[in-house]
Protein backbone atom coordinates (compact mmCIF):
# COMPACT_ATOMS: atom_id res chain seq x y z
CA MET A 1 53.88 101.31 133.54
CA THR A 2 56.05 100.10 130.63
CA PRO A 3 59.13 102.32 130.52
CA VAL A 4 59.68 104.32 127.10
CA PRO A 5 62.77 103.11 125.45
CA ASP A 6 65.58 105.73 125.20
CA PRO A 7 66.61 106.03 121.51
CA SER A 8 70.01 107.32 122.42
CA ALA A 9 70.80 104.16 124.63
CA ASP A 10 71.99 102.26 121.62
CA ARG A 11 74.94 104.44 120.89
CA SER A 12 77.91 106.26 122.60
CA PRO A 13 77.15 109.53 124.31
CA ASP A 14 79.87 111.06 121.99
CA VAL A 15 77.58 110.28 118.92
CA HIS A 16 74.53 112.08 117.91
CA GLU A 17 71.96 110.58 115.55
CA GLY A 18 70.33 113.01 113.19
CA SER A 19 67.80 112.61 110.43
CA ASP A 20 67.75 109.39 108.04
CA GLY A 21 70.42 107.66 110.13
CA TRP A 22 73.16 110.30 109.77
CA LEU A 23 75.72 109.91 112.80
CA PHE A 24 77.68 112.80 114.02
CA LEU A 25 80.64 112.91 116.38
CA THR A 26 79.86 115.46 119.15
CA GLY A 27 82.09 114.27 122.14
CA GLY A 28 85.45 112.48 122.44
CA THR A 29 88.48 113.97 123.83
CA ASN A 30 88.32 117.04 121.80
CA ARG A 31 84.86 117.74 123.02
CA VAL A 32 83.65 118.47 119.42
CA ILE A 33 80.25 119.97 120.17
CA ASP A 34 81.78 122.48 122.53
CA GLN A 35 83.90 123.87 119.75
CA TYR A 36 80.64 125.05 118.13
CA ARG A 37 79.51 126.76 121.36
CA ARG A 38 80.75 129.74 123.21
CA PRO A 39 83.52 130.25 123.85
CA GLY A 40 84.70 127.70 121.38
CA LEU A 41 88.19 128.25 120.12
CA SER A 42 89.83 131.15 122.10
CA ARG A 43 91.10 134.22 120.40
CA ARG A 44 94.56 133.47 121.78
CA LEU A 45 94.32 129.99 120.07
CA LEU A 46 93.30 131.56 116.79
CA TRP A 47 96.11 134.09 116.94
CA ARG A 48 98.66 131.21 117.60
CA TRP A 49 97.13 129.33 114.58
CA ARG A 50 97.73 132.57 112.46
CA ARG A 51 101.24 132.99 113.61
CA LEU A 52 102.08 129.17 113.03
CA LEU A 53 100.79 129.07 109.52
CA ALA A 54 102.68 132.35 108.64
CA HIS A 55 105.76 130.56 110.01
CA ARG A 56 105.09 127.56 107.91
CA VAL A 57 104.67 129.50 104.89
CA ARG A 58 107.96 131.38 105.35
CA ALA A 59 109.96 128.47 106.28
CA CYS A 60 108.87 126.36 103.47
CA ALA A 61 109.66 129.31 100.94
CA ARG A 62 113.17 129.28 102.39
CA LEU A 63 113.50 125.67 101.32
CA GLY A 64 112.18 126.37 97.95
CA ALA A 65 108.71 124.70 98.64
CA THR A 66 105.13 126.03 98.49
CA TYR A 67 103.13 125.48 101.65
CA ILE A 68 99.42 124.57 101.52
CA HIS A 69 97.16 124.14 104.47
CA VAL A 70 93.91 122.54 104.58
CA VAL A 71 91.48 121.89 107.57
CA ALA A 72 89.16 118.67 106.87
CA PRO A 73 85.78 120.06 107.99
CA GLU A 74 83.69 118.11 110.44
CA LYS A 75 80.44 116.42 109.23
CA LEU A 76 78.45 118.81 111.43
CA THR A 77 80.00 121.95 109.70
CA VAL A 78 78.96 120.67 106.34
CA TYR A 79 75.69 118.63 107.02
CA GLY A 80 74.69 120.47 110.25
CA ASP A 81 70.98 120.52 108.94
CA HIS A 82 71.00 116.68 109.15
CA ALA A 83 71.87 116.88 112.99
CA THR A 84 68.24 117.31 113.89
CA GLY A 85 67.62 117.79 117.69
CA LEU A 86 71.23 119.08 118.34
CA ALA A 87 71.71 122.61 119.48
CA PHE A 88 74.93 124.24 118.00
CA ASP A 89 76.02 127.11 115.95
CA PRO A 90 77.36 126.26 112.50
CA ALA A 91 78.81 129.72 112.13
CA SER A 92 81.02 129.17 115.17
CA ALA A 93 82.74 126.08 113.41
CA PRO A 94 86.42 126.17 114.01
CA VAL A 95 87.27 126.16 110.36
CA ARG A 96 85.10 128.99 109.60
CA ARG A 97 86.53 131.13 112.50
CA LEU A 98 90.17 130.25 111.41
CA ALA A 99 89.47 131.35 107.78
CA ARG A 100 88.18 134.63 109.06
CA TRP A 101 91.39 135.12 111.38
CA LEU A 102 93.77 134.39 108.60
CA THR A 103 92.57 137.49 106.66
CA ALA A 104 95.46 139.48 105.31
CA SER A 105 98.12 137.23 106.76
CA PRO A 106 100.75 135.10 104.90
CA GLY A 107 98.73 132.05 106.06
CA ALA A 108 95.58 133.04 103.98
CA ARG A 109 97.57 132.54 100.77
CA ALA A 110 98.16 128.86 101.94
CA PHE A 111 94.85 128.13 103.18
CA VAL A 112 92.35 126.09 101.07
CA ASP A 113 88.83 126.44 102.23
CA LEU A 114 87.38 123.08 101.88
CA ASP A 115 84.50 124.19 103.87
CA GLU A 116 83.40 126.52 101.11
CA ALA A 117 84.13 123.82 98.47
CA PHE A 118 82.09 121.18 100.28
CA ARG A 119 79.09 123.53 100.95
CA ALA A 120 79.08 124.22 97.32
CA ALA A 121 78.77 120.51 96.63
CA ARG A 122 76.66 119.35 99.53
CA ASN A 123 73.46 118.86 97.47
CA GLY A 124 75.10 116.41 95.26
CA PRO A 125 76.21 112.94 96.08
CA PRO A 126 77.12 112.54 99.93
CA LEU A 127 80.54 113.85 100.94
CA TYR A 128 80.59 111.97 104.16
CA LEU A 129 79.67 108.48 105.15
CA ARG A 130 76.60 108.16 107.39
CA THR A 131 78.23 105.95 109.88
CA ASP A 132 81.75 107.57 109.76
CA SER A 133 83.45 110.90 110.53
CA HIS A 134 85.38 110.68 107.25
CA TRP A 135 84.71 111.55 103.61
CA THR A 136 83.21 109.48 100.83
CA VAL A 137 85.09 108.97 97.67
CA ARG A 138 83.28 112.17 96.28
CA GLY A 139 84.38 114.11 99.29
CA SER A 140 88.00 112.97 98.86
CA GLU A 141 88.03 113.89 95.23
CA ILE A 142 86.59 117.51 95.93
CA ALA A 143 89.35 118.05 98.44
CA TYR A 144 91.91 116.67 95.99
CA ARG A 145 90.69 119.15 93.20
CA ALA A 146 90.60 122.00 95.45
CA ILE A 147 94.13 121.54 96.86
CA LEU A 148 95.53 120.94 93.29
CA SER A 149 93.92 124.19 92.21
CA ARG A 150 95.57 126.15 94.91
CA MET A 151 98.90 124.50 93.77
CA GLY A 152 98.27 125.38 90.29
CA VAL A 153 98.13 121.69 89.14
CA THR A 154 95.76 120.25 86.87
CA PRO A 155 94.08 117.02 88.12
CA ARG A 156 94.00 114.03 85.85
CA ASP A 157 90.83 113.68 83.79
CA ASP A 158 90.88 110.00 83.55
CA LEU A 159 90.56 108.97 87.39
CA GLU A 160 86.91 107.62 86.97
CA ALA A 161 87.75 105.52 84.04
CA ARG A 162 90.47 103.85 85.94
CA ARG A 163 88.39 103.23 88.94
CA THR A 164 87.36 99.70 90.11
CA GLY A 165 83.51 100.02 90.85
CA GLY A 166 81.35 98.30 93.53
CA THR A 167 80.65 98.91 97.05
CA VAL A 168 81.59 96.98 100.33
CA PRO A 169 79.49 96.63 103.63
CA PHE A 170 81.13 99.15 105.97
CA SER A 171 80.80 100.40 109.53
CA GLY A 172 82.67 103.48 110.29
CA ASP A 173 84.12 104.97 113.44
CA LEU A 174 80.66 106.19 114.55
CA GLY A 175 78.74 103.28 113.49
CA ARG A 176 80.99 101.09 115.63
CA LYS A 177 79.98 103.07 118.63
CA CYS A 178 76.46 101.88 118.33
CA ALA A 179 74.71 98.72 119.54
CA PRO A 180 74.05 96.83 117.40
CA ILE A 181 76.80 98.15 114.99
CA ARG A 182 75.48 100.40 112.26
CA PHE A 183 76.34 99.23 108.65
CA GLU A 184 76.08 101.00 105.34
CA GLN A 185 77.17 100.20 101.79
CA ALA A 186 80.27 102.30 100.95
CA PRO A 187 82.09 102.70 97.65
CA VAL A 188 85.57 101.20 97.32
CA THR A 189 88.30 103.67 96.32
CA THR A 190 90.71 101.42 94.32
CA PHE A 191 91.76 102.70 90.83
CA ALA A 192 94.46 101.63 88.47
CA THR A 193 97.49 103.75 89.12
CA GLY A 194 101.19 103.88 88.50
CA ALA A 195 101.89 104.94 92.05
CA ARG A 196 103.78 102.40 94.19
CA ARG A 197 104.99 102.45 97.69
CA ILE A 198 108.73 102.31 97.82
CA LEU A 199 109.36 103.08 101.51
CA ALA A 200 107.49 102.42 104.80
CA ASN A 201 108.98 102.95 108.29
CA ASP A 202 109.15 100.19 110.84
CA LEU A 203 106.01 101.14 112.79
CA LEU A 204 104.08 100.61 109.61
CA THR A 205 105.56 97.42 108.24
CA GLU A 206 105.76 95.66 111.57
CA LEU A 207 101.88 96.37 112.23
CA GLU A 208 101.30 95.13 108.59
CA ALA A 209 103.27 91.94 109.17
CA GLN A 210 101.02 91.30 112.13
CA GLY A 211 97.93 91.89 110.05
CA ARG A 212 97.40 95.21 112.14
CA GLY A 213 98.14 97.63 109.39
CA ILE A 214 94.76 99.38 109.98
CA GLU A 215 96.29 100.38 113.41
CA ALA A 216 99.19 102.17 111.79
CA HIS A 217 98.20 105.96 112.76
CA LEU A 218 100.32 108.51 114.61
CA GLY A 219 104.05 108.08 113.45
CA ALA A 220 103.35 106.19 110.26
CA HIS A 221 105.65 107.15 107.36
CA ALA A 222 105.23 105.95 103.67
CA VAL A 223 106.72 107.20 100.35
CA PHE A 224 105.26 106.70 96.97
CA ARG A 225 106.72 106.72 93.49
CA ASN A 226 104.75 107.22 90.23
CA ASP A 227 106.55 106.71 86.92
CA ASP A 228 103.57 107.05 84.76
CA PRO A 229 104.43 109.80 82.04
CA LYS A 230 101.27 111.63 83.21
CA ALA A 231 102.45 112.19 86.49
CA ASP A 232 103.47 115.69 87.75
CA PRO A 233 107.27 115.55 87.87
CA ARG A 234 107.46 117.38 91.26
CA ARG A 235 107.56 116.01 94.83
CA LEU A 236 104.99 116.46 97.56
CA VAL A 237 105.28 116.03 101.23
CA ILE A 238 102.06 115.41 103.30
CA PHE A 239 101.86 115.98 106.97
CA GLY A 240 98.38 114.74 107.91
CA ASP A 241 95.97 112.46 109.77
CA SER A 242 93.25 109.95 108.92
CA PHE A 243 91.85 112.08 106.17
CA CYS A 244 95.00 111.12 104.22
CA GLN A 245 96.25 107.68 105.25
CA HIS A 246 98.97 105.51 103.84
CA THR A 247 96.90 102.98 101.76
CA SER A 248 94.73 103.34 98.68
CA TYR A 249 92.09 100.57 99.59
CA SER A 250 89.46 102.00 101.86
CA PRO A 251 85.93 103.46 101.73
CA VAL A 252 87.47 106.71 103.44
CA ALA A 253 90.53 108.66 103.66
CA THR A 254 92.00 108.50 100.06
CA LEU A 255 93.75 111.79 99.90
CA THR A 256 97.17 110.51 99.80
CA ALA A 257 96.40 107.92 97.08
CA LEU A 258 94.93 110.57 94.99
CA MET A 259 97.99 112.73 95.41
CA ALA A 260 100.40 109.91 94.74
CA ASP A 261 98.39 109.05 91.48
CA ARG A 262 99.02 112.78 90.35
CA PHE A 263 102.63 113.48 91.45
CA ARG A 264 106.01 111.61 90.67
CA GLU A 265 106.82 111.29 94.39
CA VAL A 266 104.67 111.72 97.55
CA HIS A 267 105.78 111.36 101.03
CA PHE A 268 103.21 110.76 103.73
CA LEU A 269 103.91 111.49 107.36
CA TRP A 270 101.08 110.72 109.88
CA SER A 271 101.68 113.85 112.00
CA THR A 272 100.09 117.31 112.26
CA SER A 273 103.48 118.73 113.24
CA ILE A 274 106.01 119.64 110.53
CA ASP A 275 109.28 117.83 110.75
CA TRP A 276 111.85 120.53 109.45
CA HIS A 277 114.80 118.35 109.43
CA TYR A 278 112.85 115.98 107.13
CA LEU A 279 112.00 118.64 104.73
CA ASP A 280 115.44 119.86 104.57
CA ALA A 281 116.64 116.61 103.31
CA VAL A 282 113.89 115.97 101.01
CA ARG A 283 113.60 119.35 99.53
CA PRO A 284 110.09 118.95 98.12
CA ASP A 285 108.30 121.35 95.71
CA PHE A 286 105.05 121.22 97.68
CA VAL A 287 104.21 120.81 101.47
CA LEU A 288 100.65 119.99 102.34
CA GLY A 289 99.54 120.33 106.10
CA GLU A 290 96.19 118.57 106.64
CA ILE A 291 94.42 118.48 109.99
CA ALA A 292 90.93 117.34 111.06
CA GLU A 293 88.69 120.30 112.14
CA ARG A 294 88.23 118.73 115.60
CA PHE A 295 92.02 118.65 116.23
CA THR A 296 92.37 122.46 115.80
CA ILE A 297 91.57 122.87 119.50
CA ASP A 298 95.26 121.76 120.02
CA LEU A 299 98.15 123.76 118.41
CA PRO A 300 100.62 121.18 116.98
CA PRO A 301 104.26 121.53 118.29
CA ARG A 302 106.84 122.97 115.94
CA GLY A 303 109.25 120.57 114.42
CA PHE A 304 108.45 117.17 116.06
CA PRO A 305 110.66 114.65 114.41
CA ILE A 306 108.70 111.85 112.66
CA GLU A 307 111.35 109.28 113.86
CA ARG A 308 110.72 110.08 117.33
CA LEU A 309 106.95 110.13 116.96
CA ALA A 310 107.15 106.55 115.49
CA GLU A 311 109.27 105.40 118.33
CA LEU A 312 106.70 106.38 120.81
CA ALA A 313 103.79 104.94 118.85
CA ARG A 314 105.70 101.59 118.39
CA ALA A 315 106.30 101.38 122.08
CA ARG A 316 102.56 102.07 122.67
CA LYS A 317 101.27 99.76 120.04
CA PHE A 318 103.54 96.78 120.94
CA THR A 319 103.88 97.12 124.68
CA ASP A 320 100.65 99.33 125.54
CA ALA A 321 102.72 100.81 128.35
CA THR A 322 104.31 104.06 126.88
CA PRO A 323 101.95 107.11 126.67
CA LEU A 324 102.68 109.76 124.25
CA PRO A 325 104.18 113.01 125.45
CA PRO A 326 101.81 115.99 125.96
CA ASP A 327 103.58 117.84 123.09
CA ALA A 328 102.89 115.16 120.50
CA PRO A 329 100.84 116.06 117.58
CA ALA A 330 97.21 115.06 117.64
CA SER A 331 96.14 112.10 115.58
CA ALA A 332 93.13 109.86 114.72
CA PRO A 333 91.81 106.86 116.82
CA GLU A 334 94.47 104.56 118.26
CA ALA A 335 92.75 101.45 117.11
CA VAL A 336 90.01 100.48 114.81
CA GLY A 337 87.49 100.27 117.49
CA ALA A 338 88.44 103.34 119.41
CA ALA A 339 86.32 106.38 119.56
CA PRO A 340 87.34 109.32 117.45
CA ARG A 341 89.48 111.85 119.31
């Protein structure tokens, strides 16, 4: 008897293929699918998130800054109907449970509900790439507008006119976990802007000098300056992960580039922890904390210094011998071919 081929044999067990070639992250070190099933995020963890965000709001206010918090929804949360054959409860999505637990807390004022914004736009152009766990250009722009709205800042209306058109062959973090690798055509995100990078830490510059800039994740630090007269004169500091990034040319993760195009000065620190000493020195007008939904399973530590995080990341990247401490903030894949965490 000829064996029947297993359609799941051509991909990682961490990846589920739904309808029309849509790939979804279900496993990894964060056990993504388990977060949509009972017990999911514990009540104790949700209470700790509530207290942490209240602390961030108050601490930023003491520095004269407004704190904004966003959770980048998983593709499963927004496009769960495309994940055919997968048993899970979208109502148990961590971002939805967190939004409910923040009710009537100081953190609720800071929380931008991207899940709601994305669901309102999900019937239009795709918000996520099919082979990747990250947003398309459209998804990034919806997040950008929702965040600016909470800040009370008007987005620029000439972004599309300044964009460089076209698409590129692309295989995302999920497509690379298949055999053969899955590719798609993805729109480029480059656009004419007055924003220029004026500072990058050693971790980022050393990896770029070796042609490994794409590997600069946890601990990367960059500062952008925009002297365009249309730029908002205020200063923004972003603590985030792969949905923000430190580059403008990519089919995914353009949030930092969009913000650098809008504000006079943007600081990006690849960390889900807040470095309070850094904020005390910089004195920004706005602080944006961004975290992927799958990372909410771990509470970030309070006040992990970016310099220390970069040192640990450099040691790991260049010697492959120094593990990160257990209290280090969660981050994106360690290398271009790594499975999403």
